[in-house]
N, C-alpha and C. Protein backbone atom coordinates (compact mmCIF):
# COMPACT_ATOMS: atom_id res chain seq x y z
N MET A 1 54.87 76.11 125.57
CA MET A 1 54.48 75.75 123.90
C MET A 1 52.52 76.21 123.80
N ASP A 2 51.96 76.88 123.33
CA ASP A 2 50.60 77.78 123.44
C ASP A 2 49.84 76.46 122.55
N GLU A 3 48.55 76.18 123.19
CA GLU A 3 48.02 74.95 122.23
C GLU A 3 47.60 75.34 121.11
N TRP A 4 47.43 76.60 120.53
CA TRP A 4 47.53 76.71 119.08
C TRP A 4 48.52 76.39 118.36
N GLN A 5 50.12 76.73 119.16
CA GLN A 5 51.12 76.44 118.34
C GLN A 5 51.62 74.59 118.51
N LYS A 6 50.85 74.08 119.43
CA LYS A 6 51.25 72.71 119.30
C LYS A 6 50.02 72.22 118.16
N THR A 7 49.12 72.63 117.64
CA THR A 7 48.04 72.29 116.85
C THR A 7 48.62 72.51 115.37
N LYS A 8 49.24 74.07 115.57
CA LYS A 8 49.96 74.47 113.94
C LYS A 8 50.63 73.43 113.84
N ARG A 9 51.52 72.65 114.61
CA ARG A 9 53.14 72.14 114.15
C ARG A 9 52.37 70.61 114.28
N GLU A 10 51.35 70.47 114.58
CA GLU A 10 50.96 69.09 113.84
C GLU A 10 49.88 68.21 113.09
N GLU A 11 49.90 69.65 112.80
CA GLU A 11 48.96 70.30 111.25
C GLU A 11 50.21 70.05 110.10
N ILE A 12 51.20 70.65 110.45
CA ILE A 12 52.22 71.04 108.90
C ILE A 12 53.33 69.71 109.40
N ILE A 13 53.35 69.03 109.92
CA ILE A 13 54.13 67.91 110.11
C ILE A 13 53.55 66.66 109.72
N GLY A 14 51.68 66.63 110.05
CA GLY A 14 51.40 65.60 109.46
C GLY A 14 51.14 65.55 108.32
N GLY A 15 50.88 67.04 107.52
CA GLY A 15 50.87 66.89 106.07
C GLY A 15 52.17 67.13 105.87
N ILE A 16 53.15 67.02 105.51
CA ILE A 16 54.64 66.87 105.25
C ILE A 16 54.79 65.48 104.95
N CYS A 17 54.44 64.60 106.03
CA CYS A 17 54.54 63.08 106.14
C CYS A 17 52.97 62.39 105.50
N ASN A 18 52.42 63.21 105.29
CA ASN A 18 51.08 62.83 103.95
C ASN A 18 51.79 63.28 102.89
N HIS A 19 52.44 64.29 102.69
CA HIS A 19 53.18 64.51 101.34
C HIS A 19 54.05 63.77 100.19
N TYR A 20 54.79 63.30 101.57
CA TYR A 20 56.17 62.24 101.37
C TYR A 20 56.28 60.81 101.08
N SER A 21 55.26 60.48 102.11
CA SER A 21 55.06 58.81 102.28
C SER A 21 55.13 58.65 101.10
N PRO A 22 54.44 58.59 99.95
CA PRO A 22 54.16 57.83 98.71
C PRO A 22 55.27 58.02 98.12
N GLN A 23 56.29 59.35 97.89
CA GLN A 23 57.16 59.09 97.10
C GLN A 23 58.26 58.34 98.03
N ILE A 24 58.21 58.23 99.13
CA ILE A 24 59.39 57.40 99.70
C ILE A 24 59.28 56.01 99.33
N LEU A 25 58.11 55.53 99.28
CA LEU A 25 57.72 54.17 99.02
C LEU A 25 58.07 54.20 97.65
N ARG A 26 57.03 54.78 96.79
CA ARG A 26 57.87 54.83 95.35
C ARG A 26 59.35 54.73 95.14
N ASP A 27 60.23 55.83 95.03
CA ASP A 27 61.72 55.91 94.87
C ASP A 27 62.17 56.67 96.21
N PRO A 28 62.88 55.90 97.27
CA PRO A 28 63.57 56.12 98.19
C PRO A 28 64.12 57.36 98.43
N GLU A 29 65.06 56.76 96.82
CA GLU A 29 66.95 57.52 96.98
C GLU A 29 66.05 58.92 95.89
N LYS A 30 65.09 58.82 94.98
CA LYS A 30 64.96 60.23 95.12
C LYS A 30 64.08 61.25 95.98
N ALA A 31 62.85 60.43 96.58
CA ALA A 31 62.72 61.05 97.66
C ALA A 31 63.73 62.09 98.69
N LEU A 32 64.90 61.12 99.14
CA LEU A 32 65.52 61.43 100.05
C LEU A 32 66.68 63.07 99.22
N PHE A 33 66.57 62.62 97.99
CA PHE A 33 67.02 63.89 97.18
C PHE A 33 66.46 65.27 97.69
N ALA A 34 65.07 65.30 97.44
CA ALA A 34 64.01 66.12 96.89
C ALA A 34 64.01 66.36 98.90
N ILE A 35 64.17 65.31 99.65
CA ILE A 35 63.80 65.81 101.26
C ILE A 35 64.99 66.88 101.65
N GLU A 36 65.79 66.34 101.23
CA GLU A 36 67.64 66.77 101.54
C GLU A 36 67.47 68.46 101.20
N GLN A 37 66.74 68.68 99.54
CA GLN A 37 67.11 70.24 99.54
C GLN A 37 65.95 70.73 99.90
N GLU A 38 64.92 70.45 100.14
CA GLU A 38 63.96 70.93 101.28
C GLU A 38 64.39 71.93 102.67
N ILE A 39 65.15 70.87 102.81
CA ILE A 39 65.27 70.87 104.76
C ILE A 39 66.43 72.23 104.46
N ASN A 40 67.79 71.62 103.06
CA ASN A 40 68.67 72.89 102.77
C ASN A 40 67.66 73.94 102.86
N SER A 41 67.01 74.45 101.87
CA SER A 41 66.24 75.20 101.49
C SER A 41 65.49 76.13 103.08
N GLN A 42 64.64 75.29 103.90
CA GLN A 42 64.12 75.85 104.74
C GLN A 42 64.91 76.53 105.93
N GLU A 43 66.27 75.27 106.13
CA GLU A 43 67.16 75.84 107.30
C GLU A 43 67.66 77.52 106.68
N ILE A 44 67.88 77.57 105.43
CA ILE A 44 68.58 79.15 104.90
C ILE A 44 67.11 80.32 105.16
N TYR A 45 65.95 79.58 104.76
CA TYR A 45 64.86 80.93 105.37
C TYR A 45 64.85 80.74 106.87
N GLN A 46 64.88 80.01 107.58
CA GLN A 46 65.30 80.05 108.85
C GLN A 46 66.15 80.87 109.86
N GLY A 47 67.25 80.71 109.10
CA GLY A 47 68.29 81.74 109.18
C GLY A 47 68.26 83.15 108.92
N ASN A 48 67.29 83.20 107.70
CA ASN A 48 67.25 84.91 107.53
C ASN A 48 65.89 85.59 108.07
N ASN A 49 66.15 85.69 108.91
CA ASN A 49 65.02 86.43 109.99
C ASN A 49 65.63 87.68 110.08
N TRP A 50 66.01 88.38 109.66
CA TRP A 50 66.67 89.70 109.91
C TRP A 50 65.45 90.95 110.15
N THR A 51 64.23 90.00 109.48
CA THR A 51 62.71 91.00 109.38
C THR A 51 62.03 91.05 110.57
N GLY A 52 62.78 90.03 111.43
CA GLY A 52 61.78 88.95 112.29
C GLY A 52 60.27 88.85 111.98
N ARG A 53 60.28 87.35 111.96
CA ARG A 53 59.05 86.39 111.88
C ARG A 53 57.83 86.94 112.38
N GLY A 54 58.45 86.66 113.88
CA GLY A 54 57.44 86.42 114.96
C GLY A 54 56.98 85.23 115.07
N VAL A 55 55.97 84.95 116.10
CA VAL A 55 55.91 83.70 116.90
C VAL A 55 55.53 82.96 115.94
N VAL A 56 54.42 83.28 115.48
CA VAL A 56 53.86 82.46 114.02
C VAL A 56 54.69 81.92 112.92
N GLY A 57 55.42 82.58 112.12
CA GLY A 57 56.41 82.47 111.09
C GLY A 57 57.33 81.10 112.01
N ASP A 58 57.77 81.46 113.09
CA ASP A 58 59.04 80.61 113.74
C ASP A 58 58.20 79.30 114.42
N THR A 59 56.95 79.38 114.49
CA THR A 59 56.11 78.07 114.52
C THR A 59 56.09 77.23 113.25
N VAL A 60 55.94 78.22 112.55
CA VAL A 60 55.68 77.43 110.90
C VAL A 60 57.40 77.07 110.59
N ILE A 61 57.81 77.17 110.30
CA ILE A 61 59.50 77.03 109.93
C ILE A 61 59.86 75.90 110.76
N ASN A 62 60.06 76.16 112.20
CA ASN A 62 60.24 75.01 112.89
C ASN A 62 59.39 73.76 112.59
N ALA A 63 57.95 73.86 113.09
CA ALA A 63 57.32 72.39 112.41
C ALA A 63 57.56 72.55 111.38
N THR A 64 58.16 72.87 110.07
CA THR A 64 58.05 72.20 108.54
C THR A 64 59.33 71.52 109.12
N ILE A 65 60.42 71.92 109.15
CA ILE A 65 62.45 71.39 109.23
C ILE A 65 61.98 70.24 110.31
N ALA A 66 60.81 70.22 111.49
CA ALA A 66 60.77 68.62 112.08
C ALA A 66 60.09 67.71 111.13
N GLY A 67 59.32 68.27 110.19
CA GLY A 67 58.38 67.22 109.61
C GLY A 67 58.98 66.53 108.69
N LEU A 68 60.22 67.44 107.95
CA LEU A 68 61.00 66.89 107.05
C LEU A 68 62.22 66.01 107.56
N GLU A 69 62.37 66.50 108.48
CA GLU A 69 63.66 65.54 109.49
C GLU A 69 62.80 64.41 109.90
N ILE A 70 61.59 64.42 110.19
CA ILE A 70 60.83 63.11 110.37
C ILE A 70 60.82 61.94 108.90
N VAL A 71 60.34 62.79 108.06
CA VAL A 71 60.50 61.85 106.51
C VAL A 71 61.53 61.49 106.20
N ARG A 72 62.60 62.70 106.30
CA ARG A 72 64.14 62.07 106.37
C ARG A 72 64.44 60.78 107.00
N SER A 73 64.30 60.48 108.09
CA SER A 73 64.77 59.56 109.17
C SER A 73 63.89 58.10 108.54
N ASP A 74 62.46 58.39 108.07
CA ASP A 74 61.87 57.25 107.26
C ASP A 74 62.37 56.73 106.39
N CYS A 75 62.76 57.76 105.13
CA CYS A 75 63.32 57.47 104.02
C CYS A 75 64.69 56.68 104.03
N LEU A 76 65.56 56.98 105.40
CA LEU A 76 67.14 56.48 105.30
C LEU A 76 66.98 55.47 105.92
N ALA A 77 65.69 54.98 106.58
CA ALA A 77 65.50 53.49 107.51
C ALA A 77 64.88 52.77 106.65
N ILE A 78 64.64 53.22 105.13
CA ILE A 78 64.16 52.47 104.20
C ILE A 78 65.19 52.04 103.53
N LEU A 79 65.93 52.89 102.87
CA LEU A 79 67.02 52.68 102.53
C LEU A 79 67.70 51.74 103.04
N LYS A 80 68.16 52.19 104.09
CA LYS A 80 69.33 50.73 105.42
C LYS A 80 68.73 49.85 105.14
N ASP A 81 67.66 49.65 105.23
CA ASP A 81 66.61 48.44 105.16
C ASP A 81 67.06 47.53 104.01
N ALA A 82 67.23 48.55 102.82
CA ALA A 82 66.71 47.78 101.25
C ALA A 82 68.26 47.05 101.14
N ALA A 83 69.29 47.48 101.93
CA ALA A 83 70.81 47.35 101.46
C ALA A 83 70.60 46.47 102.41
N THR A 84 70.11 46.33 103.59
CA THR A 84 70.73 45.07 104.28
C THR A 84 69.90 43.54 103.92
N HIS A 85 68.85 43.86 103.16
CA HIS A 85 68.08 42.93 102.39
C HIS A 85 69.49 42.42 100.84
N LEU A 86 69.94 43.72 100.32
CA LEU A 86 70.68 43.56 99.14
C LEU A 86 71.88 42.42 100.19
N ARG A 87 72.68 43.44 101.14
CA ARG A 87 73.58 42.53 101.14
C ARG A 87 73.46 41.31 101.51
N ARG A 88 72.40 40.65 102.27
CA ARG A 88 72.21 39.48 102.89
C ARG A 88 71.59 38.28 101.48
N ASP A 89 71.26 38.87 100.55
CA ASP A 89 70.73 38.09 99.17
C ASP A 89 71.94 37.60 99.16
N SER A 90 72.95 38.92 98.62
CA SER A 90 74.15 38.56 97.82
C SER A 90 74.85 37.49 98.72
N LEU A 91 75.10 37.61 100.27
CA LEU A 91 75.64 36.74 100.58
C LEU A 91 75.06 35.30 100.63
N SER A 92 74.10 35.19 100.89
CA SER A 92 73.46 34.03 100.70
C SER A 92 73.80 33.37 99.12
N ASN A 93 73.65 33.81 97.96
CA ASN A 93 74.23 33.68 96.54
C ASN A 93 75.31 32.95 96.92
N ARG A 94 76.30 33.88 97.49
CA ARG A 94 77.79 33.19 96.94
C ARG A 94 78.11 31.65 97.96
N ALA A 95 76.98 31.72 98.74
CA ALA A 95 77.77 30.70 99.76
C ALA A 95 76.57 29.30 99.07
N SER A 96 75.56 29.36 97.99
CA SER A 96 74.97 28.46 97.27
C SER A 96 75.99 27.88 96.32
């Protein structure tokens, strides 16, 4: 990967993380839905390369999908943590 590709990749991933982070904190379920829809859309776009995007287009689409996968993972971790706390609270309420 060339230096410009690394720079572009970091720029795109950073932008995606900055865009979705507040949404994930505000409403992780809604954010997850939007993120997964966008991943699906981008993967379709990635597969529709019959005219050839070239190295720039491929770099952008691959970085976009990578960034979306990162925020999806963050979102799932928050949801899992919330579910764990709910179960723990439920069990401690039953024991009381």
